PDB file of all heavy atoms in Angstrom:
ATOM      1  N   LEU A   1      98.559 114.486 120.037  1.00  0.00           N
ATOM      2  CA  LEU A   1      98.059 113.142 119.756  1.00  0.00           C
ATOM      3  C   LEU A   1      98.540 112.058 120.721  1.00  0.00           C
ATOM      4  O   LEU A   1      97.955 110.997 120.782  1.00  0.00           O
ATOM      5  CB  LEU A   1      98.479 112.678 118.341  1.00  0.00           C
ATOM      6  CG  LEU A   1      97.980 113.466 117.168  1.00  0.00           C
ATOM      7  CD1 LEU A   1      98.571 112.947 115.888  1.00  0.00           C
ATOM      8  CD2 LEU A   1      96.491 113.453 117.111  1.00  0.00           C
ATOM      9  N   GLY A   2      99.654 112.318 121.399  1.00  0.00           N
ATOM     10  CA  GLY A   2     100.326 111.279 122.151  1.00  0.00           C
ATOM     11  C   GLY A   2     101.514 110.790 121.337  1.00  0.00           C
ATOM     12  O   GLY A   2     101.457 110.804 120.093  1.00  0.00           O
ATOM     13  N   SER A   3     102.531 110.381 121.993  1.00  0.00           N
ATOM     14  CA  SER A   3     103.783 110.039 121.277  1.00  0.00           C
ATOM     15  C   SER A   3     103.615 108.880 120.321  1.00  0.00           C
ATOM     16  O   SER A   3     104.200 108.835 119.247  1.00  0.00           O
ATOM     17  CB  SER A   3     104.920 109.797 122.252  1.00  0.00           C
ATOM     18  OG  SER A   3     104.629 108.705 123.120  1.00  0.00           O
ATOM     19  N   THR A   4     102.879 107.837 120.722  1.00  0.00           N
ATOM     20  CA  THR A   4     102.760 106.663 119.854  1.00  0.00           C
ATOM     21  C   THR A   4     101.980 107.016 118.565  1.00  0.00           C
ATOM     22  O   THR A   4     102.400 106.694 117.488  1.00  0.00           O
ATOM     23  CB  THR A   4     102.029 105.509 120.588  1.00  0.00           C
ATOM     24  OG1 THR A   4     102.799 105.174 121.745  1.00  0.00           O
ATOM     25  CG2 THR A   4     101.877 104.281 119.708  1.00  0.00           C
ATOM     26  N   ARG A   5     100.840 107.690 118.700  1.00  0.00           N
ATOM     27  CA  ARG A   5     100.087 108.059 117.528  1.00  0.00           C
ATOM     28  C   ARG A   5     100.839 109.005 116.629  1.00  0.00           C
ATOM     29  O   ARG A   5     100.832 108.875 115.399  1.00  0.00           O
ATOM     30  CB  ARG A   5      98.717 108.673 117.913  1.00  0.00           C
ATOM     31  CG  ARG A   5      97.770 107.660 118.482  1.00  0.00           C
ATOM     32  CD  ARG A   5      96.439 108.279 118.793  1.00  0.00           C
ATOM     33  NE  ARG A   5      95.673 107.345 119.603  1.00  0.00           N
ATOM     34  CZ  ARG A   5      94.960 107.703 120.652  1.00  0.00           C
ATOM     35  NH1 ARG A   5      94.839 108.953 121.000  1.00  0.00           N
ATOM     36  NH2 ARG A   5      94.311 106.770 121.323  1.00  0.00           N
ATOM     37  N   ALA A   6     101.523 109.978 117.224  1.00  0.00           N
ATOM     38  CA  ALA A   6     102.294 110.924 116.452  1.00  0.00           C
ATOM     39  C   ALA A   6     103.436 110.192 115.695  1.00  0.00           C
ATOM     40  O   ALA A   6     103.657 110.441 114.542  1.00  0.00           O
ATOM     41  CB  ALA A   6     102.897 112.008 117.342  1.00  0.00           C
ATOM     42  N   SER A   7     104.081 109.258 116.360  1.00  0.00           N
ATOM     43  CA  SER A   7     105.162 108.483 115.713  1.00  0.00           C
ATOM     44  C   SER A   7     104.596 107.624 114.558  1.00  0.00           C
ATOM     45  O   SER A   7     105.224 107.526 113.511  1.00  0.00           O
ATOM     46  CB  SER A   7     105.856 107.612 116.742  1.00  0.00           C
ATOM     47  OG  SER A   7     106.509 108.360 117.680  1.00  0.00           O
ATOM     48  N   LEU A   8     103.474 106.978 114.790  1.00  0.00           N
ATOM     49  CA  LEU A   8     102.879 106.194 113.726  1.00  0.00           C
ATOM     50  C   LEU A   8     102.481 107.051 112.534  1.00  0.00           C
ATOM     51  O   LEU A   8     102.720 106.643 111.383  1.00  0.00           O
ATOM     52  CB  LEU A   8     101.646 105.422 114.242  1.00  0.00           C
ATOM     53  CG  LEU A   8     101.966 104.232 115.138  1.00  0.00           C
ATOM     54  CD1 LEU A   8     100.711 103.766 115.873  1.00  0.00           C
ATOM     55  CD2 LEU A   8     102.557 103.095 114.335  1.00  0.00           C
ATOM     56  N   LEU A   9     101.897 108.197 112.788  1.00  0.00           N
ATOM     57  CA  LEU A   9     101.532 109.110 111.690  1.00  0.00           C
ATOM     58  C   LEU A   9     102.761 109.577 110.942  1.00  0.00           C
ATOM     59  O   LEU A   9     102.790 109.556 109.712  1.00  0.00           O
ATOM     60  CB  LEU A   9     100.735 110.279 112.242  1.00  0.00           C
ATOM     61  CG  LEU A   9     100.087 111.220 111.228  1.00  0.00           C
ATOM     62  CD1 LEU A   9      99.053 110.487 110.371  1.00  0.00           C
ATOM     63  CD2 LEU A   9      99.462 112.415 111.904  1.00  0.00           C
ATOM     64  N   TYR A  10     103.776 109.943 111.681  1.00  0.00           N
ATOM     65  CA  TYR A  10     105.030 110.413 111.044  1.00  0.00           C
ATOM     66  C   TYR A  10     105.651 109.270 110.209  1.00  0.00           C
ATOM     67  O   TYR A  10     106.067 109.524 109.073  1.00  0.00           O
ATOM     68  CB  TYR A  10     106.006 110.886 112.122  1.00  0.00           C
ATOM     69  CG  TYR A  10     107.366 111.212 111.567  1.00  0.00           C
ATOM     70  CD1 TYR A  10     107.568 112.414 110.897  1.00  0.00           C
ATOM     71  CD2 TYR A  10     108.424 110.320 111.659  1.00  0.00           C
ATOM     72  CE1 TYR A  10     108.796 112.701 110.329  1.00  0.00           C
ATOM     73  CE2 TYR A  10     109.638 110.592 111.069  1.00  0.00           C
ATOM     74  CZ  TYR A  10     109.848 111.804 110.452  1.00  0.00           C
ATOM     75  OH  TYR A  10     111.062 112.092 109.873  1.00  0.00           O
ATOM     76  N   GLU A  11     105.769 108.070 110.750  1.00  0.00           N
ATOM     77  CA  GLU A  11     106.370 106.978 110.018  1.00  0.00           C
ATOM     78  C   GLU A  11     105.569 106.615 108.771  1.00  0.00           C
ATOM     79  O   GLU A  11     106.154 106.333 107.734  1.00  0.00           O
ATOM     80  CB  GLU A  11     106.480 105.717 110.914  1.00  0.00           C
ATOM     81  CG  GLU A  11     107.571 105.821 111.951  1.00  0.00           C
ATOM     82  CD  GLU A  11     108.942 105.914 111.362  1.00  0.00           C
ATOM     83  OE1 GLU A  11     109.237 105.303 110.298  1.00  0.00           O
ATOM     84  OE2 GLU A  11     109.800 106.596 111.987  1.00  0.00           O
ATOM     85  N   THR A  12     104.261 106.678 108.861  1.00  0.00           N
ATOM     86  CA  THR A  12     103.433 106.407 107.694  1.00  0.00           C
ATOM     87  C   THR A  12     103.712 107.442 106.600  1.00  0.00           C
ATOM     88  O   THR A  12     103.867 107.105 105.445  1.00  0.00           O
ATOM     89  CB  THR A  12     101.940 106.401 108.071  1.00  0.00           C
ATOM     90  OG1 THR A  12     101.729 105.502 109.124  1.00  0.00           O
ATOM     91  CG2 THR A  12     101.085 105.970 106.883  1.00  0.00           C
ATOM     92  N   ALA A  13     103.789 108.705 106.977  1.00  0.00           N
ATOM     93  CA  ALA A  13     104.050 109.761 106.025  1.00  0.00           C
ATOM     94  C   ALA A  13     105.467 109.662 105.457  1.00  0.00           C
ATOM     95  O   ALA A  13     105.655 109.880 104.247  1.00  0.00           O
ATOM     96  CB  ALA A  13     103.840 111.126 106.678  1.00  0.00           C
ATOM     97  N   ALA A  14     106.431 109.310 106.273  1.00  0.00           N
ATOM     98  CA  ALA A  14     107.808 109.233 105.844  1.00  0.00           C
ATOM     99  C   ALA A  14     108.022 108.139 104.784  1.00  0.00           C
ATOM    100  O   ALA A  14     108.903 108.246 103.929  1.00  0.00           O
ATOM    101  CB  ALA A  14     108.713 108.977 107.023  1.00  0.00           C
ATOM    102  N   HIS A  15     107.180 107.115 104.843  1.00  0.00           N
ATOM    103  CA  HIS A  15     107.345 105.989 103.888  1.00  0.00           C
ATOM    104  C   HIS A  15     106.226 105.930 102.855  1.00  0.00           C
ATOM    105  O   HIS A  15     106.090 104.949 102.154  1.00  0.00           O
ATOM    106  CB  HIS A  15     107.410 104.673 104.684  1.00  0.00           C
ATOM    107  CG  HIS A  15     108.584 104.609 105.558  1.00  0.00           C
ATOM    108  ND1 HIS A  15     108.518 104.878 106.915  1.00  0.00           N
ATOM    109  CD2 HIS A  15     109.877 104.320 105.295  1.00  0.00           C
ATOM    110  CE1 HIS A  15     109.729 104.767 107.451  1.00  0.00           C
ATOM    111  NE2 HIS A  15     110.578 104.426 106.488  1.00  0.00           N
ATOM    112  N   ASP A  16     105.438 106.985 102.737  1.00  0.00           N
ATOM    113  CA  ASP A  16     104.266 107.088 101.842  1.00  0.00           C
ATOM    114  C   ASP A  16     103.140 106.109 102.253  1.00  0.00           C
ATOM    115  O   ASP A  16     101.995 106.435 102.108  1.00  0.00           O
ATOM    116  CB  ASP A  16     104.690 106.877 100.407  1.00  0.00           C
ATOM    117  CG  ASP A  16     105.434 108.030  99.834  1.00  0.00           C
ATOM    118  OD1 ASP A  16     105.155 109.182 100.249  1.00  0.00           O
ATOM    119  OD2 ASP A  16     106.327 107.816  99.007  1.00  0.00           O
ATOM    120  N   CYS A  17     103.482 104.929 102.663  1.00  0.00           N
ATOM    121  CA  CYS A  17     102.484 103.996 103.208  1.00  0.00           C
ATOM    122  C   CYS A  17     103.244 102.865 103.933  1.00  0.00           C
ATOM    123  O   CYS A  17     104.462 102.778 103.792  1.00  0.00           O
ATOM    124  CB  CYS A  17     101.559 103.416 102.123  1.00  0.00           C
ATOM    125  SG  CYS A  17     102.307 102.155 101.118  1.00  0.00           S
ATOM    126  N   GLY A  18     102.546 102.097 104.696  1.00  0.00           N
ATOM    127  CA  GLY A  18     103.207 101.018 105.390  1.00  0.00           C
ATOM    128  C   GLY A  18     102.170 100.042 105.922  1.00  0.00           C
ATOM    129  O   GLY A  18     101.006 100.377 106.119  1.00  0.00           O
ATOM    130  N   THR A  19     102.632  98.803 106.143  1.00  0.00           N
ATOM    131  CA  THR A  19     101.741  97.780 106.739  1.00  0.00           C
ATOM    132  C   THR A  19     101.731  98.000 108.252  1.00  0.00           C
ATOM    133  O   THR A  19     102.610  98.685 108.804  1.00  0.00           O
ATOM    134  CB  THR A  19     102.219  96.380 106.456  1.00  0.00           C
ATOM    135  OG1 THR A  19     103.451  96.151 107.117  1.00  0.00           O
ATOM    136  CG2 THR A  19     102.367  96.119 104.965  1.00  0.00           C
ATOM    137  N   THR A  20     100.735  97.442 108.881  1.00  0.00           N
ATOM    138  CA  THR A  20     100.652  97.542 110.308  1.00  0.00           C
ATOM    139  C   THR A  20     101.929  96.990 110.983  1.00  0.00           C
ATOM    140  O   THR A  20     102.466  97.587 111.893  1.00  0.00           O
ATOM    141  CB  THR A  20      99.415  96.786 110.870  1.00  0.00           C
ATOM    142  OG1 THR A  20      98.255  97.259 110.148  1.00  0.00           O
ATOM    143  CG2 THR A  20      99.215  96.988 112.322  1.00  0.00           C
ATOM    144  N   SER A  21     102.422  95.866 110.479  1.00  0.00           N
ATOM    145  CA  SER A  21     103.634  95.226 111.034  1.00  0.00           C
ATOM    146  C   SER A  21     104.836  96.143 110.869  1.00  0.00           C
ATOM    147  O   SER A  21     105.657  96.300 111.789  1.00  0.00           O
ATOM    148  CB  SER A  21     103.889  93.886 110.379  1.00  0.00           C
ATOM    149  OG  SER A  21     102.855  93.011 110.613  1.00  0.00           O
ATOM    150  N   GLU A  22     105.011  96.732 109.695  1.00  0.00           N
ATOM    151  CA  GLU A  22     106.145  97.615 109.405  1.00  0.00           C
ATOM    152  C   GLU A  22     106.089  98.828 110.320  1.00  0.00           C
ATOM    153  O   GLU A  22     107.113  99.212 110.899  1.00  0.00           O
ATOM    154  CB  GLU A  22     106.152  98.085 107.935  1.00  0.00           C
ATOM    155  CG  GLU A  22     106.427  96.996 106.948  1.00  0.00           C
ATOM    156  CD  GLU A  22     106.136  97.398 105.508  1.00  0.00           C
ATOM    157  OE1 GLU A  22     105.387  98.382 105.294  1.00  0.00           O
ATOM    158  OE2 GLU A  22     106.655  96.721 104.624  1.00  0.00           O
ATOM    159  N   LEU A  23     104.921  99.397 110.466  1.00  0.00           N
ATOM    160  CA  LEU A  23     104.797 100.615 111.306  1.00  0.00           C
ATOM    161  C   LEU A  23     105.015 100.298 112.781  1.00  0.00           C
ATOM    162  O   LEU A  23     105.678 101.048 113.476  1.00  0.00           O
ATOM    163  CB  LEU A  23     103.467 101.285 111.077  1.00  0.00           C
ATOM    164  CG  LEU A  23     103.259 101.791 109.638  1.00  0.00           C
ATOM    165  CD1 LEU A  23     101.825 102.206 109.405  1.00  0.00           C
ATOM    166  CD2 LEU A  23     104.203 102.966 109.384  1.00  0.00           C
ATOM    167  N   ALA A  24     104.499  99.147 113.232  1.00  0.00           N
ATOM    168  CA  ALA A  24     104.697  98.722 114.614  1.00  0.00           C
ATOM    169  C   ALA A  24     106.190  98.569 114.924  1.00  0.00           C
ATOM    170  O   ALA A  24     106.691  99.030 115.940  1.00  0.00           O
ATOM    171  CB  ALA A  24     103.940  97.431 114.913  1.00  0.00           C
ATOM    172  N   ALA A  25     106.901  97.924 114.005  1.00  0.00           N
ATOM    173  CA  ALA A  25     108.337  97.689 114.169  1.00  0.00           C
ATOM    174  C   ALA A  25     109.100  99.018 114.158  1.00  0.00           C
ATOM    175  O   ALA A  25     110.006  99.213 114.991  1.00  0.00           O
ATOM    176  CB  ALA A  25     108.884  96.767 113.097  1.00  0.00           C
ATOM    177  N   ALA A  26     108.740  99.889 113.260  1.00  0.00           N
ATOM    178  CA  ALA A  26     109.423 101.214 113.127  1.00  0.00           C
ATOM    179  C   ALA A  26     109.244 102.054 114.387  1.00  0.00           C
ATOM    180  O   ALA A  26     110.170 102.780 114.780  1.00  0.00           O
ATOM    181  CB  ALA A  26     108.904 101.960 111.917  1.00  0.00           C
TER     182      ALA A  26
END
């Protein structure tokens, strides 16, 4: 997927859900 997309997908799964701002910061 590319590192950014993979990281965003992983962070979303790790937190069950997240806002765009939270995921961007993470």
